[in-house]
Amino acid sequence: MDTFMAEHPDIRWSGKPFDIPGGRSVAFQDPAGNTLHLMDQSAPEPTG
């Protein structure tokens, strides 16, 4: 998640990433203003 965000600074992030069970999540807006949620479920240990 952090690497993806750093590699895409042009994306309009709608907040900071937060922990969810099994990984992390963050929201962003597409060019039309729709909110999308990006989830990373690759945590080796459950979080949240």
N, C-alpha and C. Protein backbone atom coordinates (compact mmCIF):
# COMPACT_ATOMS: atom_id res chain seq x y z
N MET A 1 0.82 -1.17 0.00
CA MET A 1 0.00 0.00 0.00
C MET A 1 0.87 1.25 0.00
N ASP A 2 1.80 1.33 0.93
CA ASP A 2 2.65 2.53 1.02
C ASP A 2 3.49 2.71 -0.24
N THR A 3 4.00 1.61 -0.79
CA THR A 3 4.79 1.68 -2.02
C THR A 3 3.92 2.15 -3.18
N PHE A 4 2.73 1.59 -3.31
CA PHE A 4 1.82 1.98 -4.39
C PHE A 4 1.49 3.46 -4.29
N MET A 5 1.20 3.93 -3.08
CA MET A 5 0.86 5.35 -2.91
C MET A 5 2.04 6.24 -3.27
N ALA A 6 3.25 5.84 -2.88
CA ALA A 6 4.44 6.63 -3.19
C ALA A 6 4.71 6.67 -4.70
N GLU A 7 4.39 5.57 -5.39
CA GLU A 7 4.62 5.49 -6.83
C GLU A 7 3.54 6.21 -7.64
N HIS A 8 2.44 6.62 -7.00
CA HIS A 8 1.32 7.27 -7.70
C HIS A 8 0.91 8.55 -6.98
N PRO A 9 1.81 9.53 -6.91
CA PRO A 9 1.48 10.77 -6.19
C PRO A 9 0.39 11.61 -6.86
N ASP A 10 0.10 11.31 -8.14
CA ASP A 10 -0.92 12.07 -8.87
C ASP A 10 -2.34 11.64 -8.54
N ILE A 11 -2.51 10.52 -7.85
CA ILE A 11 -3.84 10.06 -7.46
C ILE A 11 -4.36 10.94 -6.33
N ARG A 12 -5.65 11.26 -6.38
CA ARG A 12 -6.28 12.08 -5.33
C ARG A 12 -6.70 11.18 -4.17
N TRP A 13 -5.80 11.00 -3.21
CA TRP A 13 -6.07 10.16 -2.05
C TRP A 13 -7.08 10.84 -1.15
N SER A 14 -8.02 10.07 -0.60
CA SER A 14 -9.08 10.61 0.25
C SER A 14 -8.82 10.25 1.72
N GLY A 15 -7.64 10.46 2.16
CA GLY A 15 -7.29 10.14 3.54
C GLY A 15 -6.03 9.30 3.59
N LYS A 16 -5.74 8.85 4.79
CA LYS A 16 -4.55 8.03 5.02
C LYS A 16 -4.93 6.56 5.07
N PRO A 17 -3.98 5.67 4.75
CA PRO A 17 -4.27 4.23 4.84
C PRO A 17 -4.57 3.85 6.29
N PHE A 18 -5.40 2.82 6.44
CA PHE A 18 -5.71 2.33 7.77
C PHE A 18 -5.71 0.80 7.77
N ASP A 19 -5.50 0.22 8.94
CA ASP A 19 -5.45 -1.23 9.07
C ASP A 19 -6.85 -1.83 8.99
N ILE A 20 -6.92 -2.97 8.30
CA ILE A 20 -8.13 -3.78 8.24
C ILE A 20 -7.69 -5.22 8.52
N PRO A 21 -8.62 -6.11 8.85
CA PRO A 21 -8.21 -7.51 9.06
C PRO A 21 -7.49 -8.07 7.83
N GLY A 22 -6.27 -8.48 8.01
CA GLY A 22 -5.48 -9.07 6.94
C GLY A 22 -4.70 -8.10 6.08
N GLY A 23 -4.74 -6.80 6.38
CA GLY A 23 -3.99 -5.86 5.55
C GLY A 23 -4.30 -4.41 5.84
N ARG A 24 -4.39 -3.61 4.76
CA ARG A 24 -4.62 -2.17 4.88
C ARG A 24 -5.57 -1.72 3.78
N SER A 25 -6.17 -0.55 3.96
CA SER A 25 -7.10 0.01 2.99
C SER A 25 -6.91 1.51 2.92
N VAL A 26 -7.26 2.08 1.76
CA VAL A 26 -7.24 3.53 1.57
C VAL A 26 -8.25 3.85 0.47
N ALA A 27 -8.81 5.04 0.52
CA ALA A 27 -9.75 5.48 -0.51
C ALA A 27 -9.11 6.56 -1.37
N PHE A 28 -9.58 6.64 -2.62
CA PHE A 28 -9.12 7.69 -3.53
C PHE A 28 -10.24 8.03 -4.49
N GLN A 29 -10.09 9.13 -5.21
CA GLN A 29 -11.09 9.54 -6.18
C GLN A 29 -10.56 9.40 -7.59
N ASP A 30 -11.41 8.88 -8.47
CA ASP A 30 -11.03 8.79 -9.88
C ASP A 30 -11.26 10.16 -10.54
N PRO A 31 -10.86 10.32 -11.81
CA PRO A 31 -11.00 11.63 -12.46
C PRO A 31 -12.43 12.18 -12.49
N ALA A 32 -13.44 11.30 -12.42
CA ALA A 32 -14.83 11.75 -12.43
C ALA A 32 -15.34 12.11 -11.03
N GLY A 33 -14.50 11.89 -10.01
CA GLY A 33 -14.88 12.21 -8.64
C GLY A 33 -15.49 11.06 -7.87
N ASN A 34 -15.54 9.87 -8.46
CA ASN A 34 -16.05 8.69 -7.76
C ASN A 34 -15.03 8.22 -6.74
N THR A 35 -15.50 7.83 -5.56
CA THR A 35 -14.60 7.31 -4.53
C THR A 35 -14.42 5.82 -4.73
N LEU A 36 -13.16 5.39 -4.76
CA LEU A 36 -12.80 3.98 -4.89
C LEU A 36 -11.99 3.58 -3.67
N HIS A 37 -12.07 2.29 -3.32
CA HIS A 37 -11.34 1.79 -2.15
C HIS A 37 -10.30 0.77 -2.61
N LEU A 38 -9.08 0.96 -2.20
CA LEU A 38 -7.98 0.06 -2.51
C LEU A 38 -7.68 -0.74 -1.25
N MET A 39 -7.68 -2.07 -1.37
CA MET A 39 -7.41 -2.93 -0.22
C MET A 39 -6.23 -3.85 -0.52
N ASP A 40 -5.35 -3.96 0.44
CA ASP A 40 -4.19 -4.84 0.36
C ASP A 40 -4.39 -5.92 1.41
N GLN A 41 -4.58 -7.14 0.98
CA GLN A 41 -4.84 -8.26 1.89
C GLN A 41 -3.62 -9.19 2.00
N SER A 42 -2.42 -8.60 1.97
CA SER A 42 -1.21 -9.43 1.96
C SER A 42 -0.48 -9.47 3.29
N ALA A 43 -1.12 -9.03 4.38
CA ALA A 43 -0.44 -9.04 5.69
C ALA A 43 -0.18 -10.49 6.11
N PRO A 44 1.03 -10.77 6.60
CA PRO A 44 1.34 -12.13 7.05
C PRO A 44 0.57 -12.51 8.31
N GLU A 45 0.21 -11.55 9.11
CA GLU A 45 -0.54 -11.76 10.34
C GLU A 45 -1.81 -10.91 10.27
N PRO A 46 -2.92 -11.39 10.79
CA PRO A 46 -4.13 -10.56 10.82
C PRO A 46 -3.90 -9.27 11.60
N THR A 47 -4.43 -8.16 11.09
CA THR A 47 -4.34 -6.88 11.77
C THR A 47 -5.74 -6.37 12.02
N GLY A 48 -5.84 -5.29 12.78
CA GLY A 48 -7.13 -4.66 13.01
C GLY A 48 -7.81 -5.21 14.15
